[in-house]
Amino acid sequence: MPTYGYKCAKCDHEFEVVQSMSAATLTVCPKELCAQKKWGRGRVTRQISGGAGLLFKGSGFYITDYRSDKYKESAKSDKAPAVNPAATPASTPAATPAPAATPAPKAAKK
């Protein structure tokens, strides 16, 4: 059931009441919620509420749960493949082959 905000014209007291949507709006400040010492039977007006956003709490709700299959397929194709730096031998200095040592030319005899 929704919560409606009201404001009393006599005592300027603002309060909230949980009512069903089909219930009639309040017209008189309720005795148990009146801010005056003696119940003034002030006229109340319903306040405009900003509303609340839709919140899913818990471990079972994710933003991608209700995506279409077409969206999921395009998201997979847009994702770049992950590159593992340990898998490429050229990226580490120990894995690069050392150049072959060439023997120094011998001096010619005269």
N, C-alpha and C. Protein backbone atom coordinates (compact mmCIF):
# COMPACT_ATOMS: atom_id res chain seq x y z
N MET A 1 0.85 -1.18 0.00
CA MET A 1 0.00 0.00 0.00
C MET A 1 0.89 1.23 0.00
N PRO A 2 0.50 2.25 -0.73
CA PRO A 2 1.31 3.46 -0.80
C PRO A 2 1.18 4.33 0.46
N THR A 3 2.18 5.16 0.66
CA THR A 3 2.20 6.10 1.77
C THR A 3 1.92 7.49 1.21
N TYR A 4 0.95 8.18 1.77
CA TYR A 4 0.58 9.52 1.32
C TYR A 4 0.97 10.54 2.38
N GLY A 5 1.49 11.67 1.93
CA GLY A 5 1.85 12.75 2.84
C GLY A 5 0.74 13.78 2.90
N TYR A 6 0.45 14.26 4.11
CA TYR A 6 -0.58 15.28 4.32
C TYR A 6 0.00 16.41 5.15
N LYS A 7 -0.65 17.61 5.05
CA LYS A 7 -0.25 18.75 5.86
C LYS A 7 -1.52 19.41 6.40
N CYS A 8 -1.52 19.67 7.72
CA CYS A 8 -2.67 20.28 8.37
C CYS A 8 -2.58 21.80 8.20
N ALA A 9 -3.69 22.43 7.83
CA ALA A 9 -3.72 23.88 7.63
C ALA A 9 -3.70 24.64 8.96
N LYS A 10 -4.22 24.06 10.05
CA LYS A 10 -4.27 24.75 11.34
C LYS A 10 -2.95 24.69 12.08
N CYS A 11 -2.40 23.51 12.22
CA CYS A 11 -1.19 23.37 13.05
C CYS A 11 0.09 23.22 12.23
N ASP A 12 0.02 23.25 10.92
CA ASP A 12 1.17 23.10 10.02
C ASP A 12 1.94 21.80 10.25
N HIS A 13 1.26 20.82 10.81
CA HIS A 13 1.89 19.53 11.06
C HIS A 13 1.84 18.69 9.79
N GLU A 14 3.00 18.14 9.41
CA GLU A 14 3.07 17.27 8.24
C GLU A 14 3.17 15.83 8.73
N PHE A 15 2.39 14.94 8.13
CA PHE A 15 2.40 13.55 8.54
C PHE A 15 2.14 12.66 7.33
N GLU A 16 2.43 11.39 7.51
CA GLU A 16 2.24 10.41 6.44
C GLU A 16 1.26 9.35 6.91
N VAL A 17 0.44 8.88 5.99
CA VAL A 17 -0.55 7.85 6.28
C VAL A 17 -0.45 6.77 5.21
N VAL A 18 -0.45 5.52 5.64
CA VAL A 18 -0.45 4.40 4.71
C VAL A 18 -1.90 4.08 4.39
N GLN A 19 -2.27 4.24 3.12
CA GLN A 19 -3.64 4.00 2.68
C GLN A 19 -3.62 3.19 1.39
N SER A 20 -4.72 2.52 1.14
CA SER A 20 -4.83 1.85 -0.15
C SER A 20 -5.15 2.89 -1.22
N MET A 21 -4.93 2.55 -2.45
CA MET A 21 -5.18 3.51 -3.53
C MET A 21 -6.65 3.82 -3.69
N SER A 22 -7.51 2.90 -3.32
CA SER A 22 -8.94 3.13 -3.48
C SER A 22 -9.55 3.87 -2.29
N ALA A 23 -8.79 4.08 -1.21
CA ALA A 23 -9.31 4.78 -0.04
C ALA A 23 -9.47 6.27 -0.34
N ALA A 24 -10.46 6.89 0.27
CA ALA A 24 -10.70 8.32 0.09
C ALA A 24 -9.60 9.12 0.79
N THR A 25 -9.27 10.28 0.26
CA THR A 25 -8.24 11.12 0.87
C THR A 25 -8.77 11.69 2.18
N LEU A 26 -7.86 11.96 3.10
CA LEU A 26 -8.25 12.57 4.37
C LEU A 26 -8.63 14.03 4.15
N THR A 27 -9.62 14.51 4.90
CA THR A 27 -10.02 15.92 4.81
C THR A 27 -9.80 16.63 6.13
N VAL A 28 -9.77 15.89 7.23
CA VAL A 28 -9.60 16.47 8.57
C VAL A 28 -8.38 15.82 9.23
N CYS A 29 -7.60 16.64 9.94
CA CYS A 29 -6.41 16.15 10.64
C CYS A 29 -6.85 15.09 11.66
N PRO A 30 -6.26 13.89 11.62
CA PRO A 30 -6.64 12.85 12.58
C PRO A 30 -6.27 13.24 14.01
N LYS A 31 -7.12 12.89 14.95
CA LYS A 31 -6.94 13.29 16.34
C LYS A 31 -5.61 12.75 16.90
N GLU A 32 -5.27 11.51 16.58
CA GLU A 32 -4.05 10.91 17.12
C GLU A 32 -2.77 11.48 16.50
N LEU A 33 -2.88 12.17 15.36
CA LEU A 33 -1.71 12.75 14.71
C LEU A 33 -1.64 14.27 14.82
N CYS A 34 -2.63 14.89 15.46
CA CYS A 34 -2.68 16.35 15.55
C CYS A 34 -1.57 16.87 16.45
N ALA A 35 -0.92 17.96 16.04
CA ALA A 35 0.19 18.53 16.79
C ALA A 35 -0.28 19.49 17.88
N GLN A 36 -1.53 19.90 17.83
CA GLN A 36 -2.05 20.82 18.85
C GLN A 36 -2.42 20.05 20.11
N LYS A 37 -2.43 20.77 21.27
CA LYS A 37 -2.81 20.13 22.51
C LYS A 37 -4.27 19.70 22.46
N LYS A 38 -5.10 20.60 22.00
CA LYS A 38 -6.52 20.30 21.84
C LYS A 38 -6.75 20.08 20.35
N TRP A 39 -7.41 18.98 20.01
CA TRP A 39 -7.62 18.63 18.61
C TRP A 39 -8.36 19.75 17.90
N GLY A 40 -7.76 20.31 16.87
CA GLY A 40 -8.32 21.46 16.18
C GLY A 40 -9.18 21.13 14.98
N ARG A 41 -9.21 19.89 14.59
CA ARG A 41 -9.96 19.47 13.40
C ARG A 41 -9.60 20.32 12.19
N GLY A 42 -8.30 20.47 12.00
CA GLY A 42 -7.82 21.27 10.88
C GLY A 42 -8.00 20.56 9.55
N ARG A 43 -8.12 21.37 8.52
CA ARG A 43 -8.28 20.83 7.17
C ARG A 43 -6.91 20.39 6.66
N VAL A 44 -6.84 19.22 6.07
CA VAL A 44 -5.57 18.71 5.56
C VAL A 44 -5.58 18.67 4.04
N THR A 45 -4.41 18.82 3.47
CA THR A 45 -4.24 18.71 2.02
C THR A 45 -3.18 17.65 1.75
N ARG A 46 -3.37 16.91 0.69
CA ARG A 46 -2.40 15.88 0.32
C ARG A 46 -1.23 16.54 -0.38
N GLN A 47 -0.04 16.17 0.03
CA GLN A 47 1.19 16.72 -0.53
C GLN A 47 1.63 15.91 -1.74
N ILE A 48 2.31 16.58 -2.64
CA ILE A 48 2.85 15.89 -3.82
C ILE A 48 4.14 15.22 -3.39
N SER A 49 4.24 13.95 -3.70
CA SER A 49 5.41 13.17 -3.30
C SER A 49 6.34 13.01 -4.49
N GLY A 50 7.61 12.98 -4.19
CA GLY A 50 8.61 12.74 -5.24
C GLY A 50 8.65 11.29 -5.67
N GLY A 51 8.04 10.43 -4.87
CA GLY A 51 8.05 9.01 -5.20
C GLY A 51 9.37 8.37 -4.84
N ALA A 52 9.43 7.12 -5.00
CA ALA A 52 10.64 6.38 -4.70
C ALA A 52 11.04 5.58 -5.93
N GLY A 53 12.31 5.41 -6.09
CA GLY A 53 12.81 4.61 -7.19
C GLY A 53 12.57 3.13 -6.91
N LEU A 54 12.61 2.35 -7.93
CA LEU A 54 12.43 0.92 -7.79
C LEU A 54 13.76 0.32 -7.36
N LEU A 55 13.77 -0.32 -6.21
CA LEU A 55 14.99 -0.90 -5.68
C LEU A 55 14.85 -2.40 -5.59
N PHE A 56 15.81 -3.11 -6.15
CA PHE A 56 15.88 -4.55 -6.01
C PHE A 56 17.01 -4.83 -5.03
N LYS A 57 16.69 -5.45 -3.93
CA LYS A 57 17.73 -5.77 -2.95
C LYS A 57 17.89 -7.27 -2.87
N GLY A 58 19.10 -7.69 -2.71
CA GLY A 58 19.38 -9.11 -2.60
C GLY A 58 20.39 -9.55 -3.63
N SER A 59 20.80 -10.76 -3.53
CA SER A 59 21.85 -11.26 -4.42
C SER A 59 21.31 -11.76 -5.74
N GLY A 60 19.99 -11.83 -5.91
CA GLY A 60 19.44 -12.41 -7.13
C GLY A 60 19.07 -11.44 -8.21
N PHE A 61 19.30 -10.15 -8.02
CA PHE A 61 18.88 -9.18 -9.01
C PHE A 61 20.09 -8.46 -9.58
N TYR A 62 20.20 -8.51 -10.89
CA TYR A 62 21.28 -7.83 -11.58
C TYR A 62 20.69 -7.04 -12.73
N ILE A 63 21.40 -6.02 -13.16
CA ILE A 63 20.88 -5.15 -14.23
C ILE A 63 20.77 -5.91 -15.55
N THR A 64 21.56 -6.97 -15.71
CA THR A 64 21.56 -7.70 -16.97
C THR A 64 20.63 -8.91 -16.96
N ASP A 65 19.89 -9.13 -15.88
CA ASP A 65 19.03 -10.32 -15.80
C ASP A 65 17.94 -10.35 -16.86
N TYR A 66 17.40 -9.22 -17.21
CA TYR A 66 16.25 -9.19 -18.10
C TYR A 66 16.59 -8.61 -19.47
N ARG A 67 17.83 -8.70 -19.87
CA ARG A 67 18.23 -8.22 -21.20
C ARG A 67 17.77 -9.20 -22.26
N SER A 68 17.57 -8.71 -23.47
CA SER A 68 17.16 -9.57 -24.57
C SER A 68 18.35 -10.40 -25.06
N ASP A 69 18.04 -11.49 -25.74
CA ASP A 69 19.10 -12.35 -26.27
C ASP A 69 19.94 -11.63 -27.32
N LYS A 70 19.29 -10.78 -28.11
CA LYS A 70 20.00 -10.03 -29.14
C LYS A 70 21.04 -9.10 -28.50
N TYR A 71 20.66 -8.45 -27.39
CA TYR A 71 21.58 -7.56 -26.69
C TYR A 71 22.77 -8.35 -26.14
N LYS A 72 22.49 -9.53 -25.56
CA LYS A 72 23.57 -10.34 -24.99
C LYS A 72 24.56 -10.79 -26.05
N GLU A 73 24.05 -11.15 -27.24
CA GLU A 73 24.93 -11.58 -28.33
C GLU A 73 25.81 -10.44 -28.82
N SER A 74 25.23 -9.24 -28.95
CA SER A 74 26.04 -8.11 -29.42
C SER A 74 27.05 -7.68 -28.37
N ALA A 75 26.71 -7.82 -27.10
CA ALA A 75 27.66 -7.48 -26.04
C ALA A 75 28.85 -8.44 -26.05
N LYS A 76 28.62 -9.71 -26.34
CA LYS A 76 29.70 -10.68 -26.40
C LYS A 76 30.63 -10.39 -27.57
N SER A 77 30.06 -9.98 -28.71
CA SER A 77 30.88 -9.71 -29.89
C SER A 77 31.66 -8.40 -29.75
N ASP A 78 31.15 -7.46 -28.96
CA ASP A 78 31.84 -6.19 -28.75
C ASP A 78 32.99 -6.32 -27.76
N LYS A 79 32.96 -7.32 -26.93
CA LYS A 79 33.97 -7.47 -25.89
C LYS A 79 35.30 -7.87 -26.54
N ALA A 80 36.38 -7.17 -26.19
CA ALA A 80 37.71 -7.48 -26.73
C ALA A 80 38.24 -8.73 -26.06
N PRO A 81 38.96 -9.56 -26.79
CA PRO A 81 39.52 -10.77 -26.17
C PRO A 81 40.58 -10.40 -25.14
N ALA A 82 40.58 -11.09 -24.06
CA ALA A 82 41.55 -10.82 -22.99
C ALA A 82 42.91 -11.37 -23.41
N VAL A 83 43.96 -10.58 -23.18
CA VAL A 83 45.31 -10.99 -23.52
C VAL A 83 46.04 -11.29 -22.23
N ASN A 84 46.57 -12.50 -22.13
CA ASN A 84 47.32 -12.89 -20.95
C ASN A 84 48.79 -12.64 -21.23
N PRO A 85 49.43 -11.69 -20.51
CA PRO A 85 50.83 -11.36 -20.80
C PRO A 85 51.77 -12.52 -20.51
N ALA A 86 51.44 -13.41 -19.62
CA ALA A 86 52.32 -14.55 -19.32
C ALA A 86 52.31 -15.58 -20.45
N ALA A 87 51.28 -15.56 -21.25
CA ALA A 87 51.17 -16.55 -22.33
C ALA A 87 52.03 -16.19 -23.53
N THR A 88 52.40 -14.93 -23.69
CA THR A 88 53.21 -14.53 -24.84
C THR A 88 54.69 -14.60 -24.47
N PRO A 89 55.49 -15.40 -25.14
CA PRO A 89 56.91 -15.56 -24.78
C PRO A 89 57.74 -14.31 -25.07
N ALA A 90 57.37 -13.48 -26.01
CA ALA A 90 58.16 -12.31 -26.36
C ALA A 90 58.04 -11.21 -25.32
N SER A 91 57.08 -11.31 -24.44
CA SER A 91 56.87 -10.23 -23.49
C SER A 91 57.82 -10.31 -22.30
N THR A 92 58.42 -11.47 -22.04
CA THR A 92 59.33 -11.58 -20.91
C THR A 92 60.76 -11.63 -21.41
N PRO A 93 61.69 -10.97 -20.73
CA PRO A 93 63.08 -10.96 -21.21
C PRO A 93 63.74 -12.32 -21.12
N ALA A 94 63.37 -13.16 -20.18
CA ALA A 94 64.03 -14.47 -20.06
C ALA A 94 63.61 -15.39 -21.20
N ALA A 95 62.49 -15.15 -21.77
CA ALA A 95 61.99 -16.03 -22.81
C ALA A 95 62.56 -15.67 -24.18
N THR A 96 63.14 -14.50 -24.33
CA THR A 96 63.69 -14.12 -25.63
C THR A 96 65.00 -14.86 -25.84
N PRO A 97 65.16 -15.47 -26.98
CA PRO A 97 66.40 -16.23 -27.22
C PRO A 97 67.59 -15.28 -27.38
N ALA A 98 68.69 -15.68 -26.80
CA ALA A 98 69.91 -14.87 -26.90
C ALA A 98 70.51 -15.09 -28.30
N PRO A 99 71.10 -14.04 -28.86
CA PRO A 99 71.70 -14.23 -30.18
C PRO A 99 72.85 -15.24 -30.09
N ALA A 100 72.98 -16.03 -31.11
CA ALA A 100 74.03 -17.06 -31.13
C ALA A 100 75.39 -16.38 -31.16
N ALA A 101 76.26 -16.90 -30.35
CA ALA A 101 77.61 -16.32 -30.29
C ALA A 101 78.40 -16.81 -31.49
N THR A 102 78.96 -15.89 -32.20
CA THR A 102 79.78 -16.26 -33.36
C THR A 102 81.25 -16.26 -32.91
N PRO A 103 81.96 -17.26 -33.32
CA PRO A 103 83.37 -17.31 -32.90
C PRO A 103 84.15 -16.14 -33.51
N ALA A 104 85.04 -15.62 -32.74
CA ALA A 104 85.87 -14.52 -33.23
C ALA A 104 86.79 -15.04 -34.35
N PRO A 105 86.95 -14.24 -35.38
CA PRO A 105 87.81 -14.72 -36.46
C PRO A 105 89.26 -14.83 -36.00
N LYS A 106 89.86 -15.90 -36.44
CA LYS A 106 91.26 -16.14 -36.03
C LYS A 106 92.18 -15.25 -36.87
N ALA A 107 93.23 -14.87 -36.22
CA ALA A 107 94.19 -14.03 -36.93
C ALA A 107 94.94 -14.88 -37.98
N ALA A 108 95.13 -14.33 -39.10
CA ALA A 108 95.83 -15.04 -40.17
C ALA A 108 97.31 -15.11 -39.90
N LYS A 109 97.94 -16.24 -40.22
CA LYS A 109 99.39 -16.39 -40.03
C LYS A 109 100.12 -15.79 -41.18
N LYS A 110 101.22 -15.21 -40.88
CA LYS A 110 102.02 -14.62 -41.94
C LYS A 110 103.27 -15.37 -42.19
